């Protein structure tokens, strides 16, 4: 969780309103700072990230928690999570939707591993604000608010809520409950 993404990660954790202990999935954990925070709060954390470099860095950062068995970090993508059904109480993914080839499919895969009623928190910049924080559309695909609501609905989430975070970066937070 680098300083520029810390507020969005914190908001995602807060939105999940987790009971302690919970099993939490983070898709796209980067350097693993949010994983460390969740583990320090008493949660069991499973992380999936497509970057082997980020997996190495996050494993180094979370070495003790991994040894203690409270953190598991693996390389992989969100479309094919190497996890059983119904294993997580909650999930979060922050600043990752820009890189998803199939956002609705990824969210459906997250829903598959959530227990019935489990919550997903997703934070990102949206195109509705007219912000262009990342200039290369071949790498960063910034969705609209409606796009994200559609992805959540297609993936089977219900009671999807949305709010703009109170910060100058234009980040919005979405959270929804798994229907199953």
C-alpha atoms as a PDB file:
ATOM      1  CA  UNK A   1       0.000   0.000   0.000  1.00  0.00           C
ATOM      2  CA  UNK A   2       2.000   2.965  -1.253  1.00  0.00           C
ATOM      3  CA  UNK A   3       1.029   6.406   0.081  1.00  0.00           C
ATOM      4  CA  UNK A   4      -0.931   7.325  -3.056  1.00  0.00           C
ATOM      5  CA  UNK A   5      -3.108   4.219  -2.851  1.00  0.00           C
ATOM      6  CA  UNK A   6      -3.302   3.966   0.940  1.00  0.00           C
ATOM      7  CA  UNK A   7      -6.558   5.980   1.288  1.00  0.00           C
ATOM      8  CA  UNK A   8      -8.343   3.774  -1.258  1.00  0.00           C
ATOM      9  CA  UNK A   9      -7.053   0.595   0.404  1.00  0.00           C
ATOM     10  CA  UNK A  10      -8.106   1.876   3.829  1.00  0.00           C
ATOM     11  CA  UNK A  11     -11.567   2.798   2.519  1.00  0.00           C
ATOM     12  CA  UNK A  12     -11.964  -0.657   0.961  1.00  0.00           C
ATOM     13  CA  UNK A  13     -11.052  -2.358   4.244  1.00  0.00           C
ATOM     14  CA  UNK A  14     -13.424  -0.098   6.180  1.00  0.00           C
ATOM     15  CA  UNK A  15     -16.275  -0.740   3.710  1.00  0.00           C
ATOM     16  CA  UNK A  16     -15.945  -4.486   4.223  1.00  0.00           C
ATOM     17  CA  UNK A  17     -16.801  -4.053   7.923  1.00  0.00           C
ATOM     18  CA  UNK A  18     -15.025  -7.297   8.766  1.00  0.00           C
ATOM     19  CA  UNK A  19     -15.650  -9.458  11.794  1.00  0.00           C
ATOM     20  CA  UNK A  20     -12.404 -10.660  13.340  1.00  0.00           C
ATOM     21  CA  UNK A  21     -11.185 -13.106  12.244  1.00  0.00           C
ATOM     22  CA  UNK A  22     -12.370 -13.219   8.637  1.00  0.00           C
ATOM     23  CA  UNK A  23     -10.910 -14.846   5.552  1.00  0.00           C
ATOM     24  CA  UNK A  24     -10.138 -12.037   3.111  1.00  0.00           C
ATOM     25  CA  UNK A  25      -9.116 -12.337  -0.542  1.00  0.00           C
ATOM     26  CA  UNK A  26      -7.131  -9.535  -2.148  1.00  0.00           C
ATOM     27  CA  UNK A  27      -6.882  -9.631  -5.931  1.00  0.00           C
ATOM     28  CA  UNK A  28      -3.961  -7.504  -7.112  1.00  0.00           C
ATOM     29  CA  UNK A  29      -2.076  -7.046  -3.839  1.00  0.00           C
ATOM     30  CA  UNK A  30       0.988  -5.297  -5.284  1.00  0.00           C
ATOM     31  CA  UNK A  31       3.688  -4.924  -2.640  1.00  0.00           C
ATOM     32  CA  UNK A  32       1.473  -6.558  -0.022  1.00  0.00           C
ATOM     33  CA  UNK A  33       1.039  -3.682   2.393  1.00  0.00           C
ATOM     34  CA  UNK A  34      -2.741  -4.090   2.583  1.00  0.00           C
ATOM     35  CA  UNK A  35      -2.230  -7.825   3.092  1.00  0.00           C
ATOM     36  CA  UNK A  36       0.024  -6.982   6.050  1.00  0.00           C
ATOM     37  CA  UNK A  37      -2.539  -4.585   7.487  1.00  0.00           C
ATOM     38  CA  UNK A  38      -5.329  -7.153   7.226  1.00  0.00           C
ATOM     39  CA  UNK A  39      -3.158  -9.839   8.845  1.00  0.00           C
ATOM     40  CA  UNK A  40      -2.194  -7.441  11.647  1.00  0.00           C
ATOM     41  CA  UNK A  41      -5.907  -6.877  12.292  1.00  0.00           C
ATOM     42  CA  UNK A  42      -6.296 -10.625  12.874  1.00  0.00           C
ATOM     43  CA  UNK A  43      -7.575 -11.814   9.497  1.00  0.00           C
ATOM     44  CA  UNK A  44      -6.576 -14.800   7.394  1.00  0.00           C
ATOM     45  CA  UNK A  45      -5.494 -13.336   4.028  1.00  0.00           C
ATOM     46  CA  UNK A  46      -5.283 -14.940   0.602  1.00  0.00           C
ATOM     47  CA  UNK A  47      -3.718 -12.837  -2.136  1.00  0.00           C
ATOM     48  CA  UNK A  48      -3.528 -13.315  -5.894  1.00  0.00           C
ATOM     49  CA  UNK A  49      -1.447 -11.060  -8.154  1.00  0.00           C
ATOM     50  CA  UNK A  50      -0.427 -11.559 -11.800  1.00  0.00           C
ATOM     51  CA  UNK A  51       3.058 -10.095 -11.312  1.00  0.00           C
ATOM     52  CA  UNK A  52       5.808 -12.473 -10.178  1.00  0.00           C
ATOM     53  CA  UNK A  53       7.791  -9.422  -9.054  1.00  0.00           C
ATOM     54  CA  UNK A  54       4.956  -8.209  -6.820  1.00  0.00           C
ATOM     55  CA  UNK A  55       4.466 -11.713  -5.417  1.00  0.00           C
ATOM     56  CA  UNK A  56       8.170 -11.857  -4.445  1.00  0.00           C
ATOM     57  CA  UNK A  57       8.069  -8.398  -2.854  1.00  0.00           C
ATOM     58  CA  UNK A  58       4.830  -9.092  -0.997  1.00  0.00           C
ATOM     59  CA  UNK A  59       6.088 -12.449   0.267  1.00  0.00           C
ATOM     60  CA  UNK A  60       9.217 -10.762   1.606  1.00  0.00           C
ATOM     61  CA  UNK A  61       7.125  -8.055   3.266  1.00  0.00           C
ATOM     62  CA  UNK A  62       4.747 -10.633   4.811  1.00  0.00           C
ATOM     63  CA  UNK A  63       7.315 -13.323   5.643  1.00  0.00           C
ATOM     64  CA  UNK A  64       6.291 -13.732   9.299  1.00  0.00           C
ATOM     65  CA  UNK A  65       2.576 -13.938   8.578  1.00  0.00           C
ATOM     66  CA  UNK A  66       3.212 -16.484   5.817  1.00  0.00           C
ATOM     67  CA  UNK A  67       5.278 -18.608   8.222  1.00  0.00           C
ATOM     68  CA  UNK A  68       2.515 -18.285  10.822  1.00  0.00           C
ATOM     69  CA  UNK A  69      -0.009 -19.544   8.271  1.00  0.00           C
ATOM     70  CA  UNK A  70      -2.179 -16.420   8.305  1.00  0.00           C
ATOM     71  CA  UNK A  71      -1.181 -15.212   4.826  1.00  0.00           C
ATOM     72  CA  UNK A  72      -1.030 -17.044   1.504  1.00  0.00           C
ATOM     73  CA  UNK A  73       0.198 -15.178  -1.589  1.00  0.00           C
ATOM     74  CA  UNK A  74       0.129 -16.704  -5.060  1.00  0.00           C
ATOM     75  CA  UNK A  75       0.726 -15.645  -8.639  1.00  0.00           C
ATOM     76  CA  UNK A  76      -2.331 -15.798 -10.847  1.00  0.00           C
ATOM     77  CA  UNK A  77      -5.021 -13.817 -12.564  1.00  0.00           C
ATOM     78  CA  UNK A  78      -8.501 -12.957 -11.422  1.00  0.00           C
ATOM     79  CA  UNK A  79     -10.214 -14.924 -14.175  1.00  0.00           C
ATOM     80  CA  UNK A  80      -8.902 -18.284 -12.908  1.00  0.00           C
ATOM     81  CA  UNK A  81      -8.507 -18.036  -9.146  1.00  0.00           C
ATOM     82  CA  UNK A  82      -6.723 -21.149  -7.822  1.00  0.00           C
ATOM     83  CA  UNK A  83      -9.181 -21.374  -4.944  1.00  0.00           C
ATOM     84  CA  UNK A  84     -12.134 -23.485  -3.861  1.00  0.00           C
ATOM     85  CA  UNK A  85     -15.691 -22.163  -3.860  1.00  0.00           C
ATOM     86  CA  UNK A  86     -17.051 -20.384  -0.784  1.00  0.00           C
ATOM     87  CA  UNK A  87     -13.765 -19.914   1.086  1.00  0.00           C
ATOM     88  CA  UNK A  88     -13.634 -16.154   1.676  1.00  0.00           C
ATOM     89  CA  UNK A  89     -15.805 -13.907   3.807  1.00  0.00           C
ATOM     90  CA  UNK A  90     -14.773 -10.802   1.886  1.00  0.00           C
ATOM     91  CA  UNK A  91     -12.629  -9.625  -1.007  1.00  0.00           C
ATOM     92  CA  UNK A  92     -11.062  -6.411  -2.157  1.00  0.00           C
ATOM     93  CA  UNK A  93      -9.399  -5.192  -5.296  1.00  0.00           C
ATOM     94  CA  UNK A  94      -8.006  -1.678  -5.517  1.00  0.00           C
ATOM     95  CA  UNK A  95      -6.772   0.057  -8.673  1.00  0.00           C
ATOM     96  CA  UNK A  96      -6.864  -3.188 -10.653  1.00  0.00           C
ATOM     97  CA  UNK A  97      -9.946  -2.942 -12.869  1.00  0.00           C
ATOM     98  CA  UNK A  98      -7.962  -0.871 -15.390  1.00  0.00           C
ATOM     99  CA  UNK A  99      -5.916  -3.968 -16.245  1.00  0.00           C
ATOM    100  CA  UNK A 100      -8.735  -6.524 -16.385  1.00  0.00           C
ATOM    101  CA  UNK A 101      -9.438  -7.882 -19.856  1.00  0.00           C
ATOM    102  CA  UNK A 102     -12.821  -9.167 -18.691  1.00  0.00           C
ATOM    103  CA  UNK A 103     -13.927  -7.253 -15.564  1.00  0.00           C
ATOM    104  CA  UNK A 104     -17.326  -8.963 -15.210  1.00  0.00           C
ATOM    105  CA  UNK A 105     -15.707 -12.400 -15.543  1.00  0.00           C
ATOM    106  CA  UNK A 106     -13.116 -11.495 -12.925  1.00  0.00           C
ATOM    107  CA  UNK A 107     -15.798 -10.225 -10.541  1.00  0.00           C
ATOM    108  CA  UNK A 108     -17.828 -13.412 -11.128  1.00  0.00           C
ATOM    109  CA  UNK A 109     -14.764 -15.469 -10.242  1.00  0.00           C
ATOM    110  CA  UNK A 110     -14.353 -13.454  -7.045  1.00  0.00           C
ATOM    111  CA  UNK A 111     -18.048 -14.062  -6.290  1.00  0.00           C
ATOM    112  CA  UNK A 112     -17.455 -17.797  -6.729  1.00  0.00           C
ATOM    113  CA  UNK A 113     -14.884 -17.891  -3.933  1.00  0.00           C
ATOM    114  CA  UNK A 114     -16.941 -15.684  -1.613  1.00  0.00           C
ATOM    115  CA  UNK A 115     -19.204 -17.352   0.897  1.00  0.00           C
ATOM    116  CA  UNK A 116     -22.922 -16.582   0.457  1.00  0.00           C
ATOM    117  CA  UNK A 117     -23.445 -12.963   1.444  1.00  0.00           C
ATOM    118  CA  UNK A 118     -19.713 -12.217   1.235  1.00  0.00           C
ATOM    119  CA  UNK A 119     -18.719  -8.689   0.305  1.00  0.00           C
ATOM    120  CA  UNK A 120     -16.466  -7.345  -2.446  1.00  0.00           C
ATOM    121  CA  UNK A 121     -14.973  -3.853  -2.203  1.00  0.00           C
ATOM    122  CA  UNK A 122     -13.530  -2.388  -5.404  1.00  0.00           C
ATOM    123  CA  UNK A 123     -11.845   1.016  -5.558  1.00  0.00           C
ATOM    124  CA  UNK A 124     -10.758   2.807  -8.713  1.00  0.00           C
ATOM    125  CA  UNK A 125     -10.708   6.050 -10.643  1.00  0.00           C
ATOM    126  CA  UNK A 126     -13.729   6.381 -12.929  1.00  0.00           C
ATOM    127  CA  UNK A 127     -13.954   8.062 -16.311  1.00  0.00           C
ATOM    128  CA  UNK A 128     -17.055  10.057 -15.294  1.00  0.00           C
ATOM    129  CA  UNK A 129     -14.935  12.595 -13.430  1.00  0.00           C
ATOM    130  CA  UNK A 130     -13.083  13.614 -16.564  1.00  0.00           C
ATOM    131  CA  UNK A 131      -9.813  12.669 -14.918  1.00  0.00           C
ATOM    132  CA  UNK A 132      -7.113  11.120 -17.037  1.00  0.00           C
ATOM    133  CA  UNK A 133      -4.592  10.014 -14.424  1.00  0.00           C
ATOM    134  CA  UNK A 134      -3.065   7.467 -16.742  1.00  0.00           C
ATOM    135  CA  UNK A 135      -2.575   8.521 -20.318  1.00  0.00           C
ATOM    136  CA  UNK A 136      -2.091   5.228 -22.141  1.00  0.00           C
ATOM    137  CA  UNK A 137      -5.524   3.690 -22.911  1.00  0.00           C
ATOM    138  CA  UNK A 138      -3.836   0.575 -24.310  1.00  0.00           C
ATOM    139  CA  UNK A 139      -2.666  -0.207 -20.770  1.00  0.00           C
ATOM    140  CA  UNK A 140      -5.206   1.550 -18.532  1.00  0.00           C
ATOM    141  CA  UNK A 141      -8.918   1.146 -19.242  1.00  0.00           C
ATOM    142  CA  UNK A 142     -10.721   3.560 -16.938  1.00  0.00           C
ATOM    143  CA  UNK A 143     -14.371   2.476 -16.547  1.00  0.00           C
ATOM    144  CA  UNK A 144     -17.427   4.618 -15.927  1.00  0.00           C
ATOM    145  CA  UNK A 145     -19.604   4.320 -12.832  1.00  0.00           C
ATOM    146  CA  UNK A 146     -22.281   2.614 -14.956  1.00  0.00           C
ATOM    147  CA  UNK A 147     -19.705   0.182 -16.359  1.00  0.00           C
ATOM    148  CA  UNK A 148     -18.744  -0.906 -12.854  1.00  0.00           C
ATOM    149  CA  UNK A 149     -22.350  -1.286 -11.725  1.00  0.00           C
ATOM    150  CA  UNK A 150     -22.968  -3.418 -14.841  1.00  0.00           C
ATOM    151  CA  UNK A 151     -19.902  -5.578 -14.092  1.00  0.00           C
ATOM    152  CA  UNK A 152     -21.090  -6.168 -10.510  1.00  0.00           C
ATOM    153  CA  UNK A 153     -24.616  -7.068 -11.700  1.00  0.00           C
ATOM    154  CA  UNK A 154     -23.358  -9.385 -14.454  1.00  0.00           C
ATOM    155  CA  UNK A 155     -21.112 -11.107 -11.897  1.00  0.00           C
ATOM    156  CA  UNK A 156     -24.095 -11.781  -9.634  1.00  0.00           C
ATOM    157  CA  UNK A 157     -23.567  -9.208  -6.918  1.00  0.00           C
ATOM    158  CA  UNK A 158     -26.559  -7.596  -5.238  1.00  0.00           C
ATOM    159  CA  UNK A 159     -27.006  -4.459  -3.148  1.00  0.00           C
ATOM    160  CA  UNK A 160     -24.155  -2.727  -4.942  1.00  0.00           C
ATOM    161  CA  UNK A 161     -23.330   0.608  -3.387  1.00  0.00           C
ATOM    162  CA  UNK A 162     -21.042   3.353  -4.600  1.00  0.00           C
ATOM    163  CA  UNK A 163     -19.515   6.502  -3.208  1.00  0.00           C
ATOM    164  CA  UNK A 164     -16.804   8.931  -4.180  1.00  0.00           C
ATOM    165  CA  UNK A 165     -13.961   8.968  -1.693  1.00  0.00           C
ATOM    166  CA  UNK A 166     -13.129  12.310  -0.153  1.00  0.00           C
ATOM    167  CA  UNK A 167      -9.737  12.767  -1.725  1.00  0.00           C
ATOM    168  CA  UNK A 168      -8.355  14.725  -4.662  1.00  0.00           C
ATOM    169  CA  UNK A 169      -7.449  11.638  -6.700  1.00  0.00           C
ATOM    170  CA  UNK A 170     -10.993  11.007  -7.946  1.00  0.00           C
ATOM    171  CA  UNK A 171     -11.157   7.492  -6.516  1.00  0.00           C
ATOM    172  CA  UNK A 172     -14.565   5.871  -6.125  1.00  0.00           C
ATOM    173  CA  UNK A 173     -15.456   2.906  -3.930  1.00  0.00           C
ATOM    174  CA  UNK A 174     -17.958   0.221  -4.938  1.00  0.00           C
ATOM    175  CA  UNK A 175     -19.088  -2.644  -2.748  1.00  0.00           C
ATOM    176  CA  UNK A 176     -21.590  -5.394  -3.226  1.00  0.00           C
ATOM    177  CA  UNK A 177     -22.743  -8.651  -1.673  1.00  0.00           C
ATOM    178  CA  UNK A 178     -22.396 -12.035  -3.326  1.00  0.00           C
ATOM    179  CA  UNK A 179     -25.831 -13.366  -4.234  1.00  0.00           C
ATOM    180  CA  UNK A 180     -25.092 -17.028  -3.528  1.00  0.00           C
END
